[in-house]
Amino acid sequence: MTKILFTMIHCLIFILISTQSFSDHSSKNNESLSKNYGSDKTEISKVITVGVYQLEVFKFKNIFKKIDSLSKKINNKKTRLEASKMILIVEDNEINAYALKELMRRWNYEFIHAEDGRKALEILEKEKVDLILMDIQLPYLNGIEATRIYRSKEKEGKRVPIIALTAYVMNEDREECLKAGMDDFIPKPVKADTLKKMLQKYLVTI
């Protein structure tokens, strides 16, 4: 969306410059246009002749208002995405955990880290989280069992999304994750774009 916005602005700047340079050249040959379109610079729609074609640019200020409105919507969406969401990262591998933490910092999420399923359950009894990134293979209590226990104790109301982080991508592995109460999964190694789209899917209210 941001790229589209910048493209629209660049196109408008080009048209404005083209209109200005062309107006001096065409004013003598197109005096009749001023009678039809008026002389108010804030409302005028100028006609640009290119060969046998005419490109009419209507009321630039109204277009800029629409761009400003679109920009505000994009910023509001970004604000909703980054508004103090708490992520529980359940990962025993130090390198993987570090990478996930860095992504959370980059995207302005708050996070808590648990090194195994048992610690994750202890944290969930005390802390409110908005989403859980759950590794499957964990010491003491694996991700599948930790999810089952948490879902069995989860209070009625808002369901906390649990996203499995797993190197196992077979259909039976996916089914086991879903049956345990997980909502989705991300294959390892985790790609930043994939993770960000997953967070947007479960955390952003559009």
C-alpha atoms as a PDB file:
ATOM      1  CA  MET A   1       0.000   0.000   0.000  1.00  0.00           C
ATOM      2  CA  THR A   2       2.834   2.401   0.816  1.00  0.00           C
ATOM      3  CA  LYS A   3       4.472   1.755  -2.575  1.00  0.00           C
ATOM      4  CA  ILE A   4       1.154   2.473  -4.340  1.00  0.00           C
ATOM      5  CA  LEU A   5       0.820   5.742  -2.409  1.00  0.00           C
ATOM      6  CA  PHE A   6       4.298   6.925  -3.416  1.00  0.00           C
ATOM      7  CA  THR A   7       3.623   5.952  -7.058  1.00  0.00           C
ATOM      8  CA  MET A   8       0.422   8.022  -7.082  1.00  0.00           C
ATOM      9  CA  ILE A   9       2.248  11.049  -5.651  1.00  0.00           C
ATOM     10  CA  HIS A  10       5.079  10.770  -8.198  1.00  0.00           C
ATOM     11  CA  CYS A  11       2.573  10.594 -11.067  1.00  0.00           C
ATOM     12  CA  LEU A  12       0.772  13.699  -9.826  1.00  0.00           C
ATOM     13  CA  ILE A  13       4.028  15.643  -9.482  1.00  0.00           C
ATOM     14  CA  PHE A  14       4.944  14.710 -13.058  1.00  0.00           C
ATOM     15  CA  ILE A  15       1.546  15.852 -14.354  1.00  0.00           C
ATOM     16  CA  LEU A  16       1.779  19.124 -12.453  1.00  0.00           C
ATOM     17  CA  ILE A  17       5.228  19.873 -13.909  1.00  0.00           C
ATOM     18  CA  SER A  18       4.106  18.892 -17.414  1.00  0.00           C
ATOM     19  CA  THR A  19       1.023  21.064 -17.099  1.00  0.00           C
ATOM     20  CA  GLN A  20       3.050  24.084 -15.978  1.00  0.00           C
ATOM     21  CA  SER A  21       5.603  23.817 -18.791  1.00  0.00           C
ATOM     22  CA  PHE A  22       2.965  23.180 -21.400  1.00  0.00           C
ATOM     23  CA  SER A  23       0.654  25.991 -20.318  1.00  0.00           C
ATOM     24  CA  ASP A  24       3.139  28.684 -21.422  1.00  0.00           C
ATOM     25  CA  HIS A  25       3.464  27.082 -24.844  1.00  0.00           C
ATOM     26  CA  SER A  26      -0.223  26.517 -25.454  1.00  0.00           C
ATOM     27  CA  SER A  27      -1.743  29.658 -23.933  1.00  0.00           C
ATOM     28  CA  LYS A  28      -1.688  31.600 -27.228  1.00  0.00           C
ATOM     29  CA  ASN A  29      -3.197  28.769 -29.281  1.00  0.00           C
ATOM     30  CA  ASN A  30      -5.787  27.725 -26.728  1.00  0.00           C
ATOM     31  CA  GLU A  31      -7.285  30.970 -25.449  1.00  0.00           C
ATOM     32  CA  SER A  32     -10.740  29.456 -25.802  1.00  0.00           C
ATOM     33  CA  LEU A  33      -9.936  26.937 -23.060  1.00  0.00           C
ATOM     34  CA  SER A  34      -9.795  29.646 -20.403  1.00  0.00           C
ATOM     35  CA  LYS A  35     -13.354  30.643 -21.260  1.00  0.00           C
ATOM     36  CA  ASN A  36     -14.561  27.070 -20.791  1.00  0.00           C
ATOM     37  CA  TYR A  37     -12.581  26.209 -17.678  1.00  0.00           C
ATOM     38  CA  GLY A  38     -12.337  29.539 -15.838  1.00  0.00           C
ATOM     39  CA  SER A  39      -9.315  31.200 -14.282  1.00  0.00           C
ATOM     40  CA  ASP A  40      -9.512  30.023 -10.653  1.00  0.00           C
ATOM     41  CA  LYS A  41      -6.174  28.230 -10.082  1.00  0.00           C
ATOM     42  CA  THR A  42      -7.507  26.164  -7.175  1.00  0.00           C
ATOM     43  CA  GLU A  43     -10.416  24.719  -9.155  1.00  0.00           C
ATOM     44  CA  ILE A  44      -9.280  24.797 -12.782  1.00  0.00           C
ATOM     45  CA  SER A  45      -8.969  21.575 -14.797  1.00  0.00           C
ATOM     46  CA  LYS A  46      -6.169  21.975 -17.341  1.00  0.00           C
ATOM     47  CA  VAL A  47      -6.025  20.223 -20.674  1.00  0.00           C
ATOM     48  CA  ILE A  48      -2.772  18.736 -21.887  1.00  0.00           C
ATOM     49  CA  THR A  49      -2.599  17.956 -25.618  1.00  0.00           C
ATOM     50  CA  VAL A  50      -0.237  15.153 -26.634  1.00  0.00           C
ATOM     51  CA  GLY A  51      -0.472  14.484 -30.361  1.00  0.00           C
ATOM     52  CA  VAL A  52      -4.151  13.888 -31.043  1.00  0.00           C
ATOM     53  CA  TYR A  53      -4.925  12.994 -27.465  1.00  0.00           C
ATOM     54  CA  GLN A  54      -6.008  15.219 -24.645  1.00  0.00           C
ATOM     55  CA  LEU A  55      -5.364  14.401 -21.015  1.00  0.00           C
ATOM     56  CA  GLU A  56      -7.584  16.315 -18.624  1.00  0.00           C
ATOM     57  CA  VAL A  57      -6.424  16.647 -15.037  1.00  0.00           C
ATOM     58  CA  PHE A  58      -9.351  17.336 -12.683  1.00  0.00           C
ATOM     59  CA  LYS A  59      -9.085  19.321  -9.468  1.00  0.00           C
ATOM     60  CA  PHE A  60      -5.743  18.336  -8.020  1.00  0.00           C
ATOM     61  CA  LYS A  61      -6.657  19.417  -4.529  1.00  0.00           C
ATOM     62  CA  ASN A  62      -9.456  16.819  -4.371  1.00  0.00           C
ATOM     63  CA  ILE A  63      -7.040  14.102  -5.473  1.00  0.00           C
ATOM     64  CA  PHE A  64      -4.544  15.118  -2.803  1.00  0.00           C
ATOM     65  CA  LYS A  65      -7.330  14.960  -0.216  1.00  0.00           C
ATOM     66  CA  LYS A  66      -7.993  11.352  -1.242  1.00  0.00           C
ATOM     67  CA  ILE A  67      -4.276  10.553  -1.002  1.00  0.00           C
ATOM     68  CA  ASP A  68      -4.143  12.113   2.458  1.00  0.00           C
ATOM     69  CA  SER A  69      -7.141  10.029   3.505  1.00  0.00           C
ATOM     70  CA  LEU A  70      -5.488   6.860   2.169  1.00  0.00           C
ATOM     71  CA  SER A  71      -2.273   7.717   4.018  1.00  0.00           C
ATOM     72  CA  LYS A  72      -4.184   8.086   7.283  1.00  0.00           C
ATOM     73  CA  LYS A  73      -5.846   4.688   6.785  1.00  0.00           C
ATOM     74  CA  ILE A  74      -2.453   3.058   6.200  1.00  0.00           C
ATOM     75  CA  ASN A  75      -1.022   4.697   9.317  1.00  0.00           C
ATOM     76  CA  ASN A  76      -4.051   3.629  11.375  1.00  0.00           C
ATOM     77  CA  LYS A  77      -3.617   0.042  10.210  1.00  0.00           C
ATOM     78  CA  LYS A  78       0.074   0.171  11.146  1.00  0.00           C
ATOM     79  CA  THR A  79      -0.842   1.589  14.549  1.00  0.00           C
ATOM     80  CA  ARG A  80      -3.314  -1.233  15.193  1.00  0.00           C
ATOM     81  CA  LEU A  81      -0.636  -3.743  14.219  1.00  0.00           C
ATOM     82  CA  GLU A  82       1.945  -2.294  16.572  1.00  0.00           C
ATOM     83  CA  ALA A  83      -0.295  -1.300  19.497  1.00  0.00           C
ATOM     84  CA  SER A  84       1.404  -3.025  22.448  1.00  0.00           C
ATOM     85  CA  LYS A  85       0.684  -6.628  21.482  1.00  0.00           C
ATOM     86  CA  MET A  86       2.272  -9.190  23.791  1.00  0.00           C
ATOM     87  CA  ILE A  87       3.805 -12.279  22.180  1.00  0.00           C
ATOM     88  CA  LEU A  88       4.877 -15.373  24.110  1.00  0.00           C
ATOM     89  CA  ILE A  89       7.850 -17.022  22.394  1.00  0.00           C
ATOM     90  CA  VAL A  90       8.279 -20.659  23.418  1.00  0.00           C
ATOM     91  CA  GLU A  91      11.599 -21.781  21.959  1.00  0.00           C
ATOM     92  CA  ASP A  92      14.500 -23.682  23.516  1.00  0.00           C
ATOM     93  CA  ASN A  93      17.073 -23.059  20.794  1.00  0.00           C
ATOM     94  CA  GLU A  94      19.037 -19.930  21.720  1.00  0.00           C
ATOM     95  CA  ILE A  95      19.751 -18.870  18.135  1.00  0.00           C
ATOM     96  CA  ASN A  96      16.136 -19.295  17.031  1.00  0.00           C
ATOM     97  CA  ALA A  97      14.886 -17.493  20.126  1.00  0.00           C
ATOM     98  CA  TYR A  98      17.285 -14.601  19.536  1.00  0.00           C
ATOM     99  CA  ALA A  99      16.146 -14.241  15.917  1.00  0.00           C
ATOM    100  CA  LEU A 100      12.476 -14.181  16.944  1.00  0.00           C
ATOM    101  CA  LYS A 101      13.141 -11.599  19.650  1.00  0.00           C
ATOM    102  CA  GLU A 102      14.926  -9.339  17.173  1.00  0.00           C
ATOM    103  CA  LEU A 103      11.954  -9.502  14.806  1.00  0.00           C
ATOM    104  CA  MET A 104       9.583  -8.635  17.638  1.00  0.00           C
ATOM    105  CA  ARG A 105      11.717  -5.608  18.504  1.00  0.00           C
ATOM    106  CA  ARG A 106      11.835  -4.522  14.871  1.00  0.00           C
ATOM    107  CA  TRP A 107       8.038  -4.710  14.597  1.00  0.00           C
ATOM    108  CA  ASN A 108       7.468  -3.018  17.978  1.00  0.00           C
ATOM    109  CA  TYR A 109       5.882  -6.010  19.707  1.00  0.00           C
ATOM    110  CA  GLU A 110       6.370  -6.769  23.371  1.00  0.00           C
ATOM    111  CA  PHE A 111       7.409 -10.329  24.149  1.00  0.00           C
ATOM    112  CA  ILE A 112       8.075 -12.891  26.853  1.00  0.00           C
ATOM    113  CA  HIS A 113      10.371 -15.855  26.317  1.00  0.00           C
ATOM    114  CA  ALA A 114       9.935 -19.360  27.715  1.00  0.00           C
ATOM    115  CA  GLU A 115      12.512 -22.094  27.091  1.00  0.00           C
ATOM    116  CA  ASP A 116      10.140 -25.041  27.465  1.00  0.00           C
ATOM    117  CA  GLY A 117       6.469 -25.941  27.623  1.00  0.00           C
ATOM    118  CA  ARG A 118       6.388 -26.135  31.401  1.00  0.00           C
ATOM    119  CA  LYS A 119       7.671 -22.570  31.818  1.00  0.00           C
ATOM    120  CA  ALA A 120       5.258 -21.415  29.135  1.00  0.00           C
ATOM    121  CA  LEU A 121       2.297 -22.698  31.163  1.00  0.00           C
ATOM    122  CA  GLU A 122       3.627 -20.993  34.282  1.00  0.00           C
ATOM    123  CA  ILE A 123       3.850 -17.693  32.417  1.00  0.00           C
ATOM    124  CA  LEU A 124       0.349 -18.075  30.971  1.00  0.00           C
ATOM    125  CA  GLU A 125      -1.088 -18.458  34.467  1.00  0.00           C
ATOM    126  CA  LYS A 126       0.258 -15.022  35.413  1.00  0.00           C
ATOM    127  CA  GLU A 127       0.541 -12.994  32.219  1.00  0.00           C
ATOM    128  CA  LYS A 128      -1.925 -11.955  29.546  1.00  0.00           C
ATOM    129  CA  VAL A 129      -0.634 -12.526  26.022  1.00  0.00           C
ATOM    130  CA  ASP A 130      -2.130 -11.853  22.601  1.00  0.00           C
ATOM    131  CA  LEU A 131      -0.437 -14.652  20.662  1.00  0.00           C
ATOM    132  CA  ILE A 132       1.837 -17.635  21.302  1.00  0.00           C
ATOM    133  CA  LEU A 133       4.659 -18.811  19.045  1.00  0.00           C
ATOM    134  CA  MET A 134       5.108 -22.434  20.138  1.00  0.00           C
ATOM    135  CA  ASP A 135       8.007 -24.652  19.159  1.00  0.00           C
ATOM    136  CA  ILE A 136       7.004 -28.307  18.914  1.00  0.00           C
ATOM    137  CA  GLN A 137      10.121 -30.067  20.204  1.00  0.00           C
ATOM    138  CA  LEU A 138      10.760 -28.735  23.699  1.00  0.00           C
ATOM    139  CA  PRO A 139      12.407 -30.166  26.836  1.00  0.00           C
ATOM    140  CA  TYR A 140      10.298 -31.338  29.799  1.00  0.00           C
ATOM    141  CA  LEU A 141       6.989 -30.650  28.043  1.00  0.00           C
ATOM    142  CA  ASN A 142       6.706 -30.465  24.253  1.00  0.00           C
ATOM    143  CA  GLY A 143       4.651 -27.912  22.353  1.00  0.00           C
ATOM    144  CA  ILE A 144       1.797 -30.302  21.556  1.00  0.00           C
ATOM    145  CA  GLU A 145       1.251 -31.306  25.187  1.00  0.00           C
ATOM    146  CA  ALA A 146       1.691 -27.747  26.440  1.00  0.00           C
ATOM    147  CA  THR A 147      -0.989 -26.595  23.998  1.00  0.00           C
ATOM    148  CA  ARG A 148      -3.412 -29.340  25.066  1.00  0.00           C
ATOM    149  CA  ILE A 149      -2.989 -28.457  28.734  1.00  0.00           C
ATOM    150  CA  TYR A 150      -3.375 -24.736  28.098  1.00  0.00           C
ATOM    151  CA  ARG A 151      -6.509 -25.168  25.983  1.00  0.00           C
ATOM    152  CA  SER A 152      -8.073 -27.380  28.650  1.00  0.00           C
ATOM    153  CA  LYS A 153      -7.574 -24.634  31.248  1.00  0.00           C
ATOM    154  CA  GLU A 154      -8.245 -21.657  28.984  1.00  0.00           C
ATOM    155  CA  LYS A 155     -11.053 -19.516  30.290  1.00  0.00           C
ATOM    156  CA  GLU A 156     -14.087 -18.751  28.191  1.00  0.00           C
ATOM    157  CA  GLY A 157     -13.844 -15.588  26.153  1.00  0.00           C
ATOM    158  CA  LYS A 158     -10.988 -14.489  23.964  1.00  0.00           C
ATOM    159  CA  ARG A 159      -9.085 -17.401  22.452  1.00  0.00           C
ATOM    160  CA  VAL A 160      -5.342 -16.799  22.311  1.00  0.00           C
ATOM    161  CA  PRO A 161      -3.941 -17.855  18.912  1.00  0.00           C
ATOM    162  CA  ILE A 162      -1.183 -20.465  19.110  1.00  0.00           C
ATOM    163  CA  ILE A 163       1.140 -20.720  16.112  1.00  0.00           C
ATOM    164  CA  ALA A 164       3.279 -23.839  15.866  1.00  0.00           C
ATOM    165  CA  LEU A 165       6.925 -23.483  14.867  1.00  0.00           C
ATOM    166  CA  THR A 166       7.951 -26.794  13.373  1.00  0.00           C
ATOM    167  CA  ALA A 167      10.340 -28.399  10.928  1.00  0.00           C
ATOM    168  CA  TYR A 168       7.785 -31.168  10.388  1.00  0.00           C
ATOM    169  CA  VAL A 169       5.474 -30.263   7.515  1.00  0.00           C
ATOM    170  CA  MET A 170       3.779 -33.592   6.786  1.00  0.00           C
ATOM    171  CA  ASN A 171      -0.023 -33.612   6.717  1.00  0.00           C
ATOM    172  CA  GLU A 172      -0.228 -35.823   9.799  1.00  0.00           C
ATOM    173  CA  ASP A 173       1.995 -33.394  11.715  1.00  0.00           C
ATOM    174  CA  ARG A 174      -0.252 -30.492  10.760  1.00  0.00           C
ATOM    175  CA  GLU A 175      -3.340 -32.405  11.815  1.00  0.00           C
ATOM    176  CA  GLU A 176      -1.758 -33.232  15.175  1.00  0.00           C
ATOM    177  CA  CYS A 177      -1.045 -29.527  15.766  1.00  0.00           C
ATOM    178  CA  LEU A 178      -4.621 -28.551  14.951  1.00  0.00           C
ATOM    179  CA  LYS A 179      -6.105 -31.332  17.082  1.00  0.00           C
ATOM    180  CA  ALA A 180      -4.006 -30.209  20.040  1.00  0.00           C
ATOM    181  CA  GLY A 181      -5.580 -26.759  19.786  1.00  0.00           C
ATOM    182  CA  MET A 182      -3.088 -24.846  17.700  1.00  0.00           C
ATOM    183  CA  ASP A 183      -4.493 -22.387  15.184  1.00  0.00           C
ATOM    184  CA  ASP A 184      -1.790 -22.394  12.538  1.00  0.00           C
ATOM    185  CA  PHE A 185       1.834 -23.284  11.944  1.00  0.00           C
ATOM    186  CA  ILE A 186       4.994 -21.866  10.410  1.00  0.00           C
ATOM    187  CA  PRO A 187       7.643 -24.195   8.969  1.00  0.00           C
ATOM    188  CA  LYS A 188      11.225 -23.903  10.158  1.00  0.00           C
ATOM    189  CA  PRO A 189      13.485 -22.186   9.411  1.00  0.00           C
ATOM    190  CA  VAL A 190      11.131 -19.283  10.058  1.00  0.00           C
ATOM    191  CA  LYS A 191      11.105 -16.608   7.355  1.00  0.00           C
ATOM    192  CA  ALA A 192      10.480 -13.019   8.443  1.00  0.00           C
ATOM    193  CA  ASP A 193       7.870 -12.322   5.754  1.00  0.00           C
ATOM    194  CA  THR A 194       5.938 -15.481   6.596  1.00  0.00           C
ATOM    195  CA  LEU A 195       5.958 -14.680  10.302  1.00  0.00           C
ATOM    196  CA  LYS A 196       4.864 -11.084   9.753  1.00  0.00           C
ATOM    197  CA  LYS A 197       1.924 -12.156   7.578  1.00  0.00           C
ATOM    198  CA  MET A 198       0.905 -14.649  10.254  1.00  0.00           C
ATOM    199  CA  LEU A 199       0.964 -11.974  12.951  1.00  0.00           C
ATOM    200  CA  GLN A 200      -1.087  -9.666  10.736  1.00  0.00           C
ATOM    201  CA  LYS A 201      -3.579 -12.457  10.140  1.00  0.00           C
ATOM    202  CA  TYR A 202      -4.247 -13.066  13.830  1.00  0.00           C
ATOM    203  CA  LEU A 203      -3.558  -9.699  15.455  1.00  0.00           C
ATOM    204  CA  VAL A 204      -4.721  -6.947  13.087  1.00  0.00           C
ATOM    205  CA  THR A 205      -8.372  -5.935  13.108  1.00  0.00           C
ATOM    206  CA  ILE A 206      -9.094  -4.223   9.802  1.00  0.00           C
END
